[in-house]
Amino acid sequence: MAGDVNAQFATPLGDDSEENNDLDLVIGNGEPQRVGRFRYWLGERRWEWSDTVARMHGYEPGTVQPTSELLLQHKHPEDRPQVAEVLERVAQGGRFSSRHRIIDTSGQIRWVIVVGDRMFDDTGTVSGTAGFYIDVTDVLQSDVTAAVSEVAESRAVIEQAKGVLMAAYGIPADRAFDVLVWRSQETNVKVRTLAARFLAALSGGFSPDAVSLVDHTLLTLT
């Protein structure tokens, strides 16, 4: 383990896209903008960021010297206590993993996963911590967007089914929803799924007289 970590971080971090090492076996050859490397030297209490990690924080490579204080300043206020505990482990050369938010110099919030492991010197003594950042902001935003979209679609289907029941039985919206919930429990099927099946079963199933009544009512409303 010691040999692997030392070999991986024996050279300056620089541009992540130029490196091809053991990290790629873990996370694959992903977009350089999304994965960056860091290391922390215990003796010097010195941080090193790759170009990508610097850019994640909003800095052009080489324009800032990272410190523990600077790292904490960039953490989301709600996540700082958690990250402060992580930094304590880093200061002792310990392993860690954390998912938290950072705020870059432009004020943009990014979700990152940060994983670190011990570095060793030639004598086998722990010399620091090395690891990588993964920017997962886009992934999480996509998940949230998909979830919101699914909720909206479910609500639309349920509202349509409620509308049919309200018209058929002359009942208010809350009672129509109660009917759907009751049938959902009876059939052990989610309300959204039951509503979709109910609408599909009714599709094209209205008699000509029923359709004519709808047409007449719609066209004669004033």
C-alpha atoms as a PDB file:
ATOM      1  CA  MET A   1       0.000   0.000   0.000  1.00  0.00           C
ATOM      2  CA  ALA A   2       2.794   2.422   0.924  1.00  0.00           C
ATOM      3  CA  GLY A   3       4.586   1.871  -2.341  1.00  0.00           C
ATOM      4  CA  ASP A   4       1.443   2.383  -4.374  1.00  0.00           C
ATOM      5  CA  VAL A   5       0.561   5.711  -2.755  1.00  0.00           C
ATOM      6  CA  ASN A   6       4.079   7.068  -2.972  1.00  0.00           C
ATOM      7  CA  ALA A   7       4.373   6.081  -6.624  1.00  0.00           C
ATOM      8  CA  GLN A   8       1.043   7.655  -7.436  1.00  0.00           C
ATOM      9  CA  PHE A   9       1.960  11.028  -5.948  1.00  0.00           C
ATOM     10  CA  ALA A  10       5.701  11.140  -6.541  1.00  0.00           C
ATOM     11  CA  THR A  11       5.428  13.888  -9.159  1.00  0.00           C
ATOM     12  CA  PRO A  12       3.732  17.319  -9.111  1.00  0.00           C
ATOM     13  CA  LEU A  13      -0.026  17.094  -9.459  1.00  0.00           C
ATOM     14  CA  GLY A  14      -0.385  19.498 -12.388  1.00  0.00           C
ATOM     15  CA  ASP A  15      -2.945  18.758 -15.090  1.00  0.00           C
ATOM     16  CA  ASP A  16      -5.010  15.698 -14.152  1.00  0.00           C
ATOM     17  CA  SER A  17      -5.690  14.856 -17.789  1.00  0.00           C
ATOM     18  CA  GLU A  18      -2.008  14.037 -18.286  1.00  0.00           C
ATOM     19  CA  GLU A  19      -1.919  11.449 -15.521  1.00  0.00           C
ATOM     20  CA  ASN A  20      -2.698   7.766 -15.960  1.00  0.00           C
ATOM     21  CA  ASN A  21      -2.308   5.858 -12.711  1.00  0.00           C
ATOM     22  CA  ASP A  22      -4.045   3.686 -10.140  1.00  0.00           C
ATOM     23  CA  LEU A  23      -6.785   6.252  -9.593  1.00  0.00           C
ATOM     24  CA  ASP A  24      -8.081   5.598 -13.092  1.00  0.00           C
ATOM     25  CA  LEU A  25      -8.682   1.976 -12.107  1.00  0.00           C
ATOM     26  CA  VAL A  26     -11.084   3.221  -9.429  1.00  0.00           C
ATOM     27  CA  ILE A  27     -12.942   6.039 -11.158  1.00  0.00           C
ATOM     28  CA  GLY A  28     -12.148   5.440 -14.808  1.00  0.00           C
ATOM     29  CA  ASN A  29     -10.789   7.924 -17.312  1.00  0.00           C
ATOM     30  CA  GLY A  30     -13.521  10.494 -16.683  1.00  0.00           C
ATOM     31  CA  GLU A  31     -13.665  14.107 -17.720  1.00  0.00           C
ATOM     32  CA  PRO A  32     -10.633  15.974 -16.334  1.00  0.00           C
ATOM     33  CA  GLN A  33     -12.939  18.805 -15.259  1.00  0.00           C
ATOM     34  CA  ARG A  34     -14.790  16.451 -12.932  1.00  0.00           C
ATOM     35  CA  VAL A  35     -11.975  14.624 -11.131  1.00  0.00           C
ATOM     36  CA  GLY A  36      -8.932  16.189  -9.476  1.00  0.00           C
ATOM     37  CA  ARG A  37      -6.186  15.199  -7.077  1.00  0.00           C
ATOM     38  CA  PHE A  38      -4.734  16.620  -3.886  1.00  0.00           C
ATOM     39  CA  ARG A  39      -2.169  15.822  -1.242  1.00  0.00           C
ATOM     40  CA  TYR A  40      -1.281  17.115   2.198  1.00  0.00           C
ATOM     41  CA  TRP A  41       2.232  16.937   3.655  1.00  0.00           C
ATOM     42  CA  LEU A  42       2.232  16.465   7.441  1.00  0.00           C
ATOM     43  CA  GLY A  43       5.713  17.807   8.156  1.00  0.00           C
ATOM     44  CA  GLU A  44       5.223  21.018   6.212  1.00  0.00           C
ATOM     45  CA  ARG A  45       1.478  21.247   6.826  1.00  0.00           C
ATOM     46  CA  ARG A  46       1.243  21.982   3.139  1.00  0.00           C
ATOM     47  CA  TRP A  47      -1.581  21.303   0.694  1.00  0.00           C
ATOM     48  CA  GLU A  48      -1.198  20.678  -3.017  1.00  0.00           C
ATOM     49  CA  TRP A  49      -4.051  20.894  -5.512  1.00  0.00           C
ATOM     50  CA  SER A  50      -4.098  19.673  -9.078  1.00  0.00           C
ATOM     51  CA  ASP A  51      -5.261  22.135 -11.719  1.00  0.00           C
ATOM     52  CA  THR A  52      -8.745  20.625 -11.684  1.00  0.00           C
ATOM     53  CA  VAL A  53      -9.218  20.976  -7.924  1.00  0.00           C
ATOM     54  CA  ALA A  54      -8.084  24.602  -8.139  1.00  0.00           C
ATOM     55  CA  ARG A  55     -10.673  25.248 -10.863  1.00  0.00           C
ATOM     56  CA  MET A  56     -13.392  23.507  -8.815  1.00  0.00           C
ATOM     57  CA  HIS A  57     -12.808  26.204  -6.200  1.00  0.00           C
ATOM     58  CA  GLY A  58     -12.818  28.945  -8.834  1.00  0.00           C
ATOM     59  CA  TYR A  59      -9.082  29.609  -9.101  1.00  0.00           C
ATOM     60  CA  GLU A  60      -6.823  29.506 -12.089  1.00  0.00           C
ATOM     61  CA  PRO A  61      -4.048  26.947 -11.515  1.00  0.00           C
ATOM     62  CA  GLY A  62      -1.037  28.366  -9.714  1.00  0.00           C
ATOM     63  CA  THR A  63      -2.775  31.527  -8.500  1.00  0.00           C
ATOM     64  CA  VAL A  64      -3.457  30.406  -4.922  1.00  0.00           C
ATOM     65  CA  GLN A  65      -1.703  28.376  -2.247  1.00  0.00           C
ATOM     66  CA  PRO A  66      -4.306  26.145  -0.581  1.00  0.00           C
ATOM     67  CA  THR A  67      -4.404  26.025   3.211  1.00  0.00           C
ATOM     68  CA  SER A  68      -6.699  24.374   5.725  1.00  0.00           C
ATOM     69  CA  GLU A  69      -8.222  27.781   6.469  1.00  0.00           C
ATOM     70  CA  LEU A  70      -8.868  28.411   2.771  1.00  0.00           C
ATOM     71  CA  LEU A  71     -10.484  24.991   2.386  1.00  0.00           C
ATOM     72  CA  LEU A  72     -12.873  25.687   5.255  1.00  0.00           C
ATOM     73  CA  GLN A  73     -13.764  29.089   3.835  1.00  0.00           C
ATOM     74  CA  HIS A  74     -14.939  27.388   0.649  1.00  0.00           C
ATOM     75  CA  LYS A  75     -17.091  24.807   2.440  1.00  0.00           C
ATOM     76  CA  HIS A  76     -20.808  25.397   2.632  1.00  0.00           C
ATOM     77  CA  PRO A  77     -21.615  26.825   6.100  1.00  0.00           C
ATOM     78  CA  GLU A  78     -23.877  23.868   6.907  1.00  0.00           C
ATOM     79  CA  ASP A  79     -21.095  21.405   6.031  1.00  0.00           C
ATOM     80  CA  ARG A  80     -18.168  23.110   7.775  1.00  0.00           C
ATOM     81  CA  PRO A  81     -18.453  21.233  11.106  1.00  0.00           C
ATOM     82  CA  GLN A  82     -18.381  17.908   9.263  1.00  0.00           C
ATOM     83  CA  VAL A  83     -15.422  18.971   7.107  1.00  0.00           C
ATOM     84  CA  ALA A  84     -13.548  20.367  10.120  1.00  0.00           C
ATOM     85  CA  GLU A  85     -13.631  16.868  11.606  1.00  0.00           C
ATOM     86  CA  VAL A  86     -12.310  15.467   8.336  1.00  0.00           C
ATOM     87  CA  LEU A  87      -9.456  17.983   8.344  1.00  0.00           C
ATOM     88  CA  GLU A  88      -8.514  16.810  11.829  1.00  0.00           C
ATOM     89  CA  ARG A  89      -8.051  13.308  10.435  1.00  0.00           C
ATOM     90  CA  VAL A  90      -6.061  14.714   7.513  1.00  0.00           C
ATOM     91  CA  ALA A  91      -3.785  16.572   9.949  1.00  0.00           C
ATOM     92  CA  GLN A  92      -3.044  13.217  11.566  1.00  0.00           C
ATOM     93  CA  GLY A  93      -2.443  11.442   8.269  1.00  0.00           C
ATOM     94  CA  GLY A  94      -5.622   9.413   8.450  1.00  0.00           C
ATOM     95  CA  ARG A  95      -7.936   7.914   5.859  1.00  0.00           C
ATOM     96  CA  PHE A  96     -11.256   9.617   5.148  1.00  0.00           C
ATOM     97  CA  SER A  97     -14.122  10.059   2.721  1.00  0.00           C
ATOM     98  CA  SER A  98     -16.659  12.855   2.628  1.00  0.00           C
ATOM     99  CA  ARG A  99     -19.464  14.172   0.469  1.00  0.00           C
ATOM    100  CA  HIS A 100     -20.145  17.857   0.989  1.00  0.00           C
ATOM    101  CA  ARG A 101     -20.698  21.194  -0.705  1.00  0.00           C
ATOM    102  CA  ILE A 102     -18.120  23.767  -1.656  1.00  0.00           C
ATOM    103  CA  ILE A 103     -18.726  27.344  -2.781  1.00  0.00           C
ATOM    104  CA  ASP A 104     -16.376  28.582  -5.502  1.00  0.00           C
ATOM    105  CA  THR A 105     -15.121  32.146  -5.919  1.00  0.00           C
ATOM    106  CA  SER A 106     -18.141  33.065  -8.069  1.00  0.00           C
ATOM    107  CA  GLY A 107     -20.610  31.868  -5.424  1.00  0.00           C
ATOM    108  CA  GLN A 108     -21.600  28.678  -7.259  1.00  0.00           C
ATOM    109  CA  ILE A 109     -22.349  25.697  -5.013  1.00  0.00           C
ATOM    110  CA  ARG A 110     -20.764  22.400  -6.018  1.00  0.00           C
ATOM    111  CA  TRP A 111     -21.286  18.957  -4.530  1.00  0.00           C
ATOM    112  CA  VAL A 112     -18.030  17.033  -4.232  1.00  0.00           C
ATOM    113  CA  ILE A 113     -16.900  13.645  -3.007  1.00  0.00           C
ATOM    114  CA  VAL A 114     -13.438  13.783  -1.426  1.00  0.00           C
ATOM    115  CA  VAL A 115     -11.502  10.619  -0.617  1.00  0.00           C
ATOM    116  CA  GLY A 116      -8.075  10.455   0.988  1.00  0.00           C
ATOM    117  CA  ASP A 117      -5.560   7.798   2.033  1.00  0.00           C
ATOM    118  CA  ARG A 118      -2.214   7.851   3.821  1.00  0.00           C
ATOM    119  CA  MET A 119       1.102   8.576   2.141  1.00  0.00           C
ATOM    120  CA  PHE A 120       4.290   6.983   3.447  1.00  0.00           C
ATOM    121  CA  ASP A 121       7.943   7.908   3.208  1.00  0.00           C
ATOM    122  CA  ASP A 122      10.771   5.501   2.422  1.00  0.00           C
ATOM    123  CA  THR A 123      10.910   4.322   6.024  1.00  0.00           C
ATOM    124  CA  GLY A 124       7.230   3.428   6.091  1.00  0.00           C
ATOM    125  CA  THR A 125       6.310   6.418   8.253  1.00  0.00           C
ATOM    126  CA  VAL A 126       3.111   8.261   7.441  1.00  0.00           C
ATOM    127  CA  SER A 127       4.114  11.455   5.619  1.00  0.00           C
ATOM    128  CA  GLY A 128       0.696  12.830   4.708  1.00  0.00           C
ATOM    129  CA  THR A 129      -2.586  12.242   2.954  1.00  0.00           C
ATOM    130  CA  ALA A 130      -3.312  11.948  -0.756  1.00  0.00           C
ATOM    131  CA  GLY A 131      -6.569  11.541  -2.601  1.00  0.00           C
ATOM    132  CA  PHE A 132      -9.004  12.964  -5.092  1.00  0.00           C
ATOM    133  CA  TYR A 133     -12.039  15.191  -5.535  1.00  0.00           C
ATOM    134  CA  ILE A 134     -15.001  14.186  -7.707  1.00  0.00           C
ATOM    135  CA  ASP A 135     -17.429  16.939  -8.725  1.00  0.00           C
ATOM    136  CA  VAL A 136     -20.874  15.276  -8.661  1.00  0.00           C
ATOM    137  CA  THR A 137     -22.931  18.470  -8.972  1.00  0.00           C
ATOM    138  CA  ASP A 138     -24.317  17.664 -12.422  1.00  0.00           C
ATOM    139  CA  VAL A 139     -25.212  14.113 -11.386  1.00  0.00           C
ATOM    140  CA  LEU A 140     -27.140  15.276  -8.323  1.00  0.00           C
ATOM    141  CA  GLN A 141     -28.883  18.039 -10.233  1.00  0.00           C
ATOM    142  CA  SER A 142     -29.950  15.511 -12.864  1.00  0.00           C
ATOM    143  CA  ASP A 143     -31.304  13.230 -10.134  1.00  0.00           C
ATOM    144  CA  VAL A 144     -33.257  16.109  -8.574  1.00  0.00           C
ATOM    145  CA  THR A 145     -34.620  17.185 -11.962  1.00  0.00           C
ATOM    146  CA  ALA A 146     -35.711  13.632 -12.723  1.00  0.00           C
ATOM    147  CA  ALA A 147     -37.373  13.308  -9.320  1.00  0.00           C
ATOM    148  CA  VAL A 148     -39.245  16.593  -9.719  1.00  0.00           C
ATOM    149  CA  SER A 149     -40.345  15.569 -13.208  1.00  0.00           C
ATOM    150  CA  GLU A 150     -41.579  12.208 -11.928  1.00  0.00           C
ATOM    151  CA  VAL A 151     -43.569  13.902  -9.153  1.00  0.00           C
ATOM    152  CA  ALA A 152     -45.139  16.302 -11.660  1.00  0.00           C
ATOM    153  CA  GLU A 153     -46.089  13.461 -13.991  1.00  0.00           C
ATOM    154  CA  SER A 154     -47.559  11.432 -11.130  1.00  0.00           C
ATOM    155  CA  ARG A 155     -49.579  14.386  -9.923  1.00  0.00           C
ATOM    156  CA  ALA A 156     -50.954  15.025 -13.412  1.00  0.00           C
ATOM    157  CA  VAL A 157     -52.084  11.419 -13.837  1.00  0.00           C
ATOM    158  CA  ILE A 158     -53.724  11.373 -10.407  1.00  0.00           C
ATOM    159  CA  GLU A 159     -55.485  14.679 -11.051  1.00  0.00           C
ATOM    160  CA  GLN A 160     -56.880  13.326 -14.339  1.00  0.00           C
ATOM    161  CA  ALA A 161     -58.208  10.218 -12.618  1.00  0.00           C
ATOM    162  CA  LYS A 162     -59.731  12.337  -9.848  1.00  0.00           C
ATOM    163  CA  GLY A 163     -61.418  14.498 -12.484  1.00  0.00           C
ATOM    164  CA  VAL A 164     -63.072  11.487 -14.069  1.00  0.00           C
ATOM    165  CA  LEU A 165     -64.371  10.254 -10.708  1.00  0.00           C
ATOM    166  CA  MET A 166     -65.594  13.713  -9.758  1.00  0.00           C
ATOM    167  CA  ALA A 167     -67.562  13.986 -13.010  1.00  0.00           C
ATOM    168  CA  ALA A 168     -68.909  10.436 -12.867  1.00  0.00           C
ATOM    169  CA  TYR A 169     -70.000  10.438  -9.208  1.00  0.00           C
ATOM    170  CA  GLY A 170     -70.535  14.139  -8.583  1.00  0.00           C
ATOM    171  CA  ILE A 171     -68.073  14.129  -5.673  1.00  0.00           C
ATOM    172  CA  PRO A 172     -65.456  16.697  -4.581  1.00  0.00           C
ATOM    173  CA  ALA A 173     -61.728  16.330  -5.248  1.00  0.00           C
ATOM    174  CA  ASP A 174     -60.798  15.029  -1.800  1.00  0.00           C
ATOM    175  CA  ARG A 175     -63.421  12.265  -1.989  1.00  0.00           C
ATOM    176  CA  ALA A 176     -62.244  11.300  -5.465  1.00  0.00           C
ATOM    177  CA  PHE A 177     -58.727  10.971  -4.106  1.00  0.00           C
ATOM    178  CA  ASP A 178     -60.055   8.841  -1.221  1.00  0.00           C
ATOM    179  CA  VAL A 179     -61.566   6.471  -3.792  1.00  0.00           C
ATOM    180  CA  LEU A 180     -58.220   6.135  -5.556  1.00  0.00           C
ATOM    181  CA  VAL A 181     -56.408   5.513  -2.266  1.00  0.00           C
ATOM    182  CA  TRP A 182     -58.985   2.895  -1.279  1.00  0.00           C
ATOM    183  CA  ARG A 183     -58.574   1.013  -4.557  1.00  0.00           C
ATOM    184  CA  SER A 184     -54.801   1.385  -4.277  1.00  0.00           C
ATOM    185  CA  GLN A 185     -54.877  -0.353  -0.920  1.00  0.00           C
ATOM    186  CA  GLU A 186     -57.312  -2.996  -2.153  1.00  0.00           C
ATOM    187  CA  THR A 187     -55.134  -3.865  -5.143  1.00  0.00           C
ATOM    188  CA  ASN A 188     -51.753  -3.247  -3.448  1.00  0.00           C
ATOM    189  CA  VAL A 189     -50.789  -0.933  -6.303  1.00  0.00           C
ATOM    190  CA  LYS A 190     -49.374   2.574  -5.977  1.00  0.00           C
ATOM    191  CA  VAL A 191     -51.911   5.360  -6.425  1.00  0.00           C
ATOM    192  CA  ARG A 192     -50.059   6.771  -9.437  1.00  0.00           C
ATOM    193  CA  THR A 193     -49.967   3.351 -11.139  1.00  0.00           C
ATOM    194  CA  LEU A 194     -53.629   2.692 -10.336  1.00  0.00           C
ATOM    195  CA  ALA A 195     -54.632   6.091 -11.745  1.00  0.00           C
ATOM    196  CA  ALA A 196     -52.688   5.454 -14.953  1.00  0.00           C
ATOM    197  CA  ARG A 197     -54.285   2.013 -15.396  1.00  0.00           C
ATOM    198  CA  PHE A 198     -57.728   3.471 -14.671  1.00  0.00           C
ATOM    199  CA  LEU A 199     -57.305   6.153 -17.348  1.00  0.00           C
ATOM    200  CA  ALA A 200     -55.886   3.666 -19.854  1.00  0.00           C
ATOM    201  CA  ALA A 201     -58.830   1.319 -19.317  1.00  0.00           C
ATOM    202  CA  LEU A 202     -61.283   4.176 -19.906  1.00  0.00           C
ATOM    203  CA  SER A 203     -59.509   5.493 -22.983  1.00  0.00           C
ATOM    204  CA  GLY A 204     -61.827   5.181 -25.961  1.00  0.00           C
ATOM    205  CA  GLY A 205     -64.410   3.419 -23.826  1.00  0.00           C
ATOM    206  CA  PHE A 206     -67.045   6.155 -23.611  1.00  0.00           C
ATOM    207  CA  SER A 207     -70.313   5.567 -25.433  1.00  0.00           C
ATOM    208  CA  PRO A 208     -71.287   7.892 -28.288  1.00  0.00           C
ATOM    209  CA  ASP A 209     -74.036   9.342 -26.072  1.00  0.00           C
ATOM    210  CA  ALA A 210     -71.509  10.173 -23.329  1.00  0.00           C
ATOM    211  CA  VAL A 211     -69.174  11.828 -25.813  1.00  0.00           C
ATOM    212  CA  SER A 212     -72.058  13.780 -27.304  1.00  0.00           C
ATOM    213  CA  LEU A 213     -73.025  15.002 -23.837  1.00  0.00           C
ATOM    214  CA  VAL A 214     -69.478  16.200 -23.247  1.00  0.00           C
ATOM    215  CA  ASP A 215     -69.424  17.915 -26.642  1.00  0.00           C
ATOM    216  CA  HIS A 216     -72.751  19.593 -26.064  1.00  0.00           C
ATOM    217  CA  THR A 217     -71.846  20.779 -22.560  1.00  0.00           C
ATOM    218  CA  LEU A 218     -68.461  22.106 -23.642  1.00  0.00           C
ATOM    219  CA  LEU A 219     -69.836  23.986 -26.633  1.00  0.00           C
ATOM    220  CA  THR A 220     -72.838  25.506 -24.885  1.00  0.00           C
ATOM    221  CA  LEU A 221     -71.018  26.897 -21.848  1.00  0.00           C
ATOM    222  CA  THR A 222     -71.199  30.682 -21.618  1.00  0.00           C
END
